[in-house]
Amino acid sequence: ISSFQVYIIQVSVGSHQWTVKHRYSDFHDLHEKLVSEKKIDKNLLPPKKIIGKNSKSLVEKRQKELEVYLQTLLVKFPVTAPKVLSHFLHFHLYVS
């Protein structure tokens, strides 16, 4: 039985707030695309950790790091987020 952690991340843009749920592998895939397409710093994404990856304290720490990661990306793209990032953040569900 393989178990995996889903991170629930609070996203805020201006006065709008919502949550997105993704596995770390989703963040990794997003990051790879942004590094190659948008020249994002490859060290921006918190590293993948193997040992104790499901311990409560590590999950909470990584969740905070992933929140910071997404907020940093939003600051880098203040006007128009790349399509891959917009999709990841579910903008299509919230933008009218």
N, C-alpha and C. Protein backbone atom coordinates (compact mmCIF):
# COMPACT_ATOMS: atom_id res chain seq x y z
N ILE A 1 0.86 -1.19 0.00
CA ILE A 1 0.00 0.00 0.00
C ILE A 1 0.89 1.23 0.00
N SER A 2 0.70 2.07 -0.98
CA SER A 2 1.51 3.27 -1.03
C SER A 2 0.66 4.45 -0.54
N SER A 3 1.24 5.23 0.33
CA SER A 3 0.51 6.38 0.83
C SER A 3 1.23 7.64 0.36
N PHE A 4 0.48 8.69 0.20
CA PHE A 4 1.11 9.93 -0.20
C PHE A 4 0.40 11.07 0.51
N GLN A 5 1.11 12.18 0.61
CA GLN A 5 0.61 13.35 1.31
C GLN A 5 0.04 14.35 0.31
N VAL A 6 -1.13 14.85 0.60
CA VAL A 6 -1.71 15.93 -0.20
C VAL A 6 -1.59 17.20 0.64
N TYR A 7 -1.02 18.23 0.04
CA TYR A 7 -0.84 19.50 0.74
C TYR A 7 -1.99 20.43 0.38
N ILE A 8 -2.59 21.01 1.41
CA ILE A 8 -3.68 21.97 1.21
C ILE A 8 -3.07 23.34 1.42
N ILE A 9 -2.99 24.10 0.34
CA ILE A 9 -2.27 25.37 0.36
C ILE A 9 -3.25 26.53 0.19
N GLN A 10 -3.11 27.50 1.06
CA GLN A 10 -3.91 28.73 0.99
C GLN A 10 -3.26 29.65 -0.03
N VAL A 11 -4.02 30.11 -1.00
CA VAL A 11 -3.51 31.02 -2.02
C VAL A 11 -4.24 32.35 -1.87
N SER A 12 -3.51 33.44 -1.94
CA SER A 12 -4.18 34.74 -1.90
C SER A 12 -3.61 35.65 -2.97
N VAL A 13 -4.51 36.24 -3.72
CA VAL A 13 -4.16 37.20 -4.76
C VAL A 13 -5.08 38.39 -4.54
N GLY A 14 -4.48 39.52 -4.16
CA GLY A 14 -5.30 40.68 -3.85
C GLY A 14 -6.24 40.34 -2.71
N SER A 15 -7.52 40.59 -2.90
CA SER A 15 -8.49 40.30 -1.84
C SER A 15 -9.08 38.90 -1.97
N HIS A 16 -8.65 38.15 -2.95
CA HIS A 16 -9.18 36.80 -3.17
C HIS A 16 -8.33 35.77 -2.45
N GLN A 17 -8.99 34.80 -1.82
CA GLN A 17 -8.30 33.70 -1.16
C GLN A 17 -9.02 32.41 -1.47
N TRP A 18 -8.25 31.36 -1.68
CA TRP A 18 -8.82 30.04 -1.88
C TRP A 18 -7.75 29.01 -1.56
N THR A 19 -8.13 27.75 -1.57
CA THR A 19 -7.15 26.70 -1.29
C THR A 19 -7.00 25.79 -2.52
N VAL A 20 -5.81 25.27 -2.67
CA VAL A 20 -5.55 24.26 -3.70
C VAL A 20 -4.98 23.04 -2.99
N LYS A 21 -5.22 21.88 -3.55
CA LYS A 21 -4.72 20.63 -2.97
C LYS A 21 -3.87 19.92 -4.02
N HIS A 22 -2.62 19.68 -3.66
CA HIS A 22 -1.69 19.02 -4.58
C HIS A 22 -0.73 18.14 -3.81
N ARG A 23 -0.27 17.11 -4.49
CA ARG A 23 0.81 16.28 -3.97
C ARG A 23 2.13 17.00 -4.25
N TYR A 24 3.18 16.60 -3.53
CA TYR A 24 4.48 17.21 -3.78
C TYR A 24 4.90 16.99 -5.23
N SER A 25 4.59 15.83 -5.78
CA SER A 25 4.99 15.54 -7.16
C SER A 25 4.35 16.54 -8.14
N ASP A 26 3.15 17.04 -7.81
CA ASP A 26 2.52 18.06 -8.66
C ASP A 26 3.33 19.35 -8.63
N PHE A 27 3.79 19.71 -7.42
CA PHE A 27 4.63 20.91 -7.30
C PHE A 27 5.92 20.72 -8.08
N HIS A 28 6.49 19.51 -7.99
CA HIS A 28 7.74 19.23 -8.68
C HIS A 28 7.54 19.36 -10.20
N ASP A 29 6.45 18.81 -10.72
CA ASP A 29 6.18 18.90 -12.16
C ASP A 29 6.00 20.36 -12.59
N LEU A 30 5.25 21.12 -11.80
CA LEU A 30 5.07 22.54 -12.08
C LEU A 30 6.42 23.25 -12.11
N HIS A 31 7.22 22.98 -11.11
CA HIS A 31 8.52 23.63 -10.99
C HIS A 31 9.42 23.33 -12.18
N GLU A 32 9.45 22.07 -12.60
CA GLU A 32 10.27 21.69 -13.76
C GLU A 32 9.87 22.50 -14.99
N LYS A 33 8.56 22.64 -15.20
CA LYS A 33 8.08 23.41 -16.36
C LYS A 33 8.47 24.88 -16.24
N LEU A 34 8.33 25.45 -15.05
CA LEU A 34 8.66 26.87 -14.86
C LEU A 34 10.16 27.12 -14.99
N VAL A 35 10.97 26.18 -14.52
CA VAL A 35 12.42 26.33 -14.64
C VAL A 35 12.80 26.34 -16.12
N SER A 36 12.22 25.43 -16.91
CA SER A 36 12.61 25.36 -18.32
C SER A 36 11.97 26.48 -19.16
N GLU A 37 10.71 26.82 -18.88
CA GLU A 37 10.02 27.82 -19.71
C GLU A 37 10.25 29.26 -19.26
N LYS A 38 10.33 29.47 -17.96
CA LYS A 38 10.36 30.84 -17.42
C LYS A 38 11.64 31.17 -16.67
N LYS A 39 12.59 30.26 -16.69
CA LYS A 39 13.89 30.47 -16.05
C LYS A 39 13.78 30.79 -14.55
N ILE A 40 12.85 30.11 -13.89
CA ILE A 40 12.72 30.25 -12.44
C ILE A 40 13.94 29.60 -11.77
N ASP A 41 14.38 30.15 -10.66
CA ASP A 41 15.50 29.58 -9.90
C ASP A 41 15.16 28.14 -9.50
N LYS A 42 15.99 27.20 -9.93
CA LYS A 42 15.67 25.80 -9.68
C LYS A 42 15.74 25.44 -8.20
N ASN A 43 16.36 26.29 -7.37
CA ASN A 43 16.44 26.02 -5.94
C ASN A 43 15.26 26.59 -5.16
N LEU A 44 14.31 27.19 -5.86
CA LEU A 44 13.17 27.82 -5.20
C LEU A 44 12.24 26.81 -4.54
N LEU A 45 12.07 25.65 -5.17
CA LEU A 45 11.17 24.63 -4.62
C LEU A 45 11.83 23.93 -3.44
N PRO A 46 11.10 23.78 -2.32
CA PRO A 46 11.68 23.03 -1.19
C PRO A 46 12.09 21.63 -1.65
N PRO A 47 13.21 21.13 -1.14
CA PRO A 47 13.72 19.84 -1.62
C PRO A 47 12.82 18.67 -1.22
N LYS A 48 12.93 17.63 -1.99
CA LYS A 48 12.19 16.40 -1.71
C LYS A 48 12.93 15.69 -0.57
N LYS A 49 12.20 15.30 0.45
CA LYS A 49 12.81 14.61 1.57
C LYS A 49 12.22 13.21 1.64
N ILE A 50 13.05 12.24 1.92
CA ILE A 50 12.58 10.86 1.94
C ILE A 50 12.30 10.40 3.37
N ILE A 51 13.26 10.60 4.28
CA ILE A 51 13.15 10.06 5.63
C ILE A 51 12.12 10.84 6.44
N GLY A 52 11.19 10.13 7.03
CA GLY A 52 10.19 10.76 7.88
C GLY A 52 9.24 11.68 7.13
N LYS A 53 9.04 11.39 5.85
CA LYS A 53 8.28 12.32 5.02
C LYS A 53 6.83 12.50 5.44
N ASN A 54 6.28 11.56 6.19
CA ASN A 54 4.90 11.69 6.62
C ASN A 54 4.76 12.07 8.09
N SER A 55 5.88 12.43 8.73
CA SER A 55 5.76 12.87 10.12
C SER A 55 5.02 14.21 10.14
N LYS A 56 4.21 14.40 11.16
CA LYS A 56 3.34 15.57 11.24
C LYS A 56 4.14 16.87 11.14
N SER A 57 5.26 16.95 11.87
CA SER A 57 6.04 18.19 11.88
C SER A 57 6.63 18.47 10.50
N LEU A 58 7.10 17.43 9.81
CA LEU A 58 7.67 17.63 8.49
C LEU A 58 6.59 18.04 7.49
N VAL A 59 5.42 17.43 7.58
CA VAL A 59 4.32 17.78 6.69
C VAL A 59 3.93 19.25 6.88
N GLU A 60 3.84 19.68 8.14
CA GLU A 60 3.48 21.07 8.42
C GLU A 60 4.55 22.02 7.91
N LYS A 61 5.81 21.67 8.12
CA LYS A 61 6.92 22.51 7.67
C LYS A 61 6.91 22.61 6.14
N ARG A 62 6.75 21.47 5.47
CA ARG A 62 6.75 21.49 4.01
C ARG A 62 5.55 22.27 3.48
N GLN A 63 4.40 22.13 4.13
CA GLN A 63 3.22 22.87 3.69
C GLN A 63 3.49 24.37 3.71
N LYS A 64 4.12 24.85 4.78
CA LYS A 64 4.46 26.28 4.87
C LYS A 64 5.45 26.66 3.77
N GLU A 65 6.45 25.80 3.53
CA GLU A 65 7.44 26.07 2.49
C GLU A 65 6.78 26.13 1.11
N LEU A 66 5.82 25.23 0.87
CA LEU A 66 5.14 25.23 -0.43
C LEU A 66 4.24 26.46 -0.59
N GLU A 67 3.66 26.91 0.52
CA GLU A 67 2.87 28.15 0.48
C GLU A 67 3.76 29.32 0.10
N VAL A 68 4.93 29.40 0.73
CA VAL A 68 5.89 30.46 0.43
C VAL A 68 6.33 30.36 -1.04
N TYR A 69 6.56 29.14 -1.50
CA TYR A 69 6.94 28.92 -2.90
C TYR A 69 5.90 29.51 -3.85
N LEU A 70 4.62 29.19 -3.62
CA LEU A 70 3.57 29.70 -4.51
C LEU A 70 3.44 31.21 -4.42
N GLN A 71 3.53 31.76 -3.22
CA GLN A 71 3.44 33.22 -3.07
C GLN A 71 4.61 33.90 -3.79
N THR A 72 5.79 33.28 -3.72
CA THR A 72 6.97 33.82 -4.41
C THR A 72 6.73 33.82 -5.92
N LEU A 73 6.14 32.75 -6.44
CA LEU A 73 5.83 32.69 -7.87
C LEU A 73 4.85 33.79 -8.26
N LEU A 74 3.85 34.01 -7.42
CA LEU A 74 2.85 35.05 -7.71
C LEU A 74 3.48 36.43 -7.71
N VAL A 75 4.47 36.65 -6.87
CA VAL A 75 5.18 37.94 -6.86
C VAL A 75 6.01 38.08 -8.13
N LYS A 76 6.60 36.97 -8.59
CA LYS A 76 7.42 37.00 -9.82
C LYS A 76 6.59 37.29 -11.07
N PHE A 77 5.32 36.91 -11.03
CA PHE A 77 4.44 37.11 -12.19
C PHE A 77 3.22 37.94 -11.76
N PRO A 78 3.44 39.23 -11.43
CA PRO A 78 2.36 40.02 -10.85
C PRO A 78 1.22 40.33 -11.81
N VAL A 79 1.50 40.38 -13.10
CA VAL A 79 0.46 40.76 -14.05
C VAL A 79 -0.19 39.54 -14.68
N THR A 80 0.61 38.70 -15.28
CA THR A 80 0.07 37.52 -15.94
C THR A 80 0.87 36.30 -15.54
N ALA A 81 0.22 35.39 -14.86
CA ALA A 81 0.89 34.15 -14.47
C ALA A 81 1.01 33.25 -15.69
N PRO A 82 2.10 32.49 -15.80
CA PRO A 82 2.21 31.53 -16.90
C PRO A 82 1.04 30.55 -16.86
N LYS A 83 0.64 30.08 -18.02
CA LYS A 83 -0.54 29.20 -18.12
C LYS A 83 -0.43 28.00 -17.19
N VAL A 84 0.74 27.39 -17.11
CA VAL A 84 0.92 26.20 -16.27
C VAL A 84 0.68 26.55 -14.79
N LEU A 85 1.10 27.74 -14.36
CA LEU A 85 0.89 28.17 -12.99
C LEU A 85 -0.58 28.52 -12.75
N SER A 86 -1.18 29.21 -13.70
CA SER A 86 -2.61 29.56 -13.58
C SER A 86 -3.46 28.31 -13.42
N HIS A 87 -3.15 27.30 -14.22
CA HIS A 87 -3.91 26.05 -14.16
C HIS A 87 -3.69 25.36 -12.80
N PHE A 88 -2.44 25.33 -12.34
CA PHE A 88 -2.09 24.72 -11.06
C PHE A 88 -2.85 25.37 -9.92
N LEU A 89 -3.02 26.68 -9.99
CA LEU A 89 -3.70 27.44 -8.93
C LEU A 89 -5.21 27.52 -9.14
N HIS A 90 -5.69 26.87 -10.19
CA HIS A 90 -7.14 26.83 -10.49
C HIS A 90 -7.71 28.23 -10.77
N PHE A 91 -6.91 29.12 -11.37
CA PHE A 91 -7.40 30.46 -11.68
C PHE A 91 -8.68 30.40 -12.51
N HIS A 92 -8.75 29.42 -13.40
CA HIS A 92 -9.91 29.31 -14.30
C HIS A 92 -11.22 29.14 -13.52
N LEU A 93 -11.14 28.69 -12.27
CA LEU A 93 -12.34 28.53 -11.46
C LEU A 93 -12.76 29.81 -10.76
N TYR A 94 -11.84 30.76 -10.65
CA TYR A 94 -12.10 31.94 -9.83
C TYR A 94 -12.10 33.25 -10.59
N VAL A 95 -11.50 33.27 -11.75
CA VAL A 95 -11.44 34.53 -12.52
C VAL A 95 -12.71 34.67 -13.32
N SER A 96 -13.34 35.82 -13.19
CA SER A 96 -14.59 36.01 -13.94
C SER A 96 -14.37 36.88 -15.15
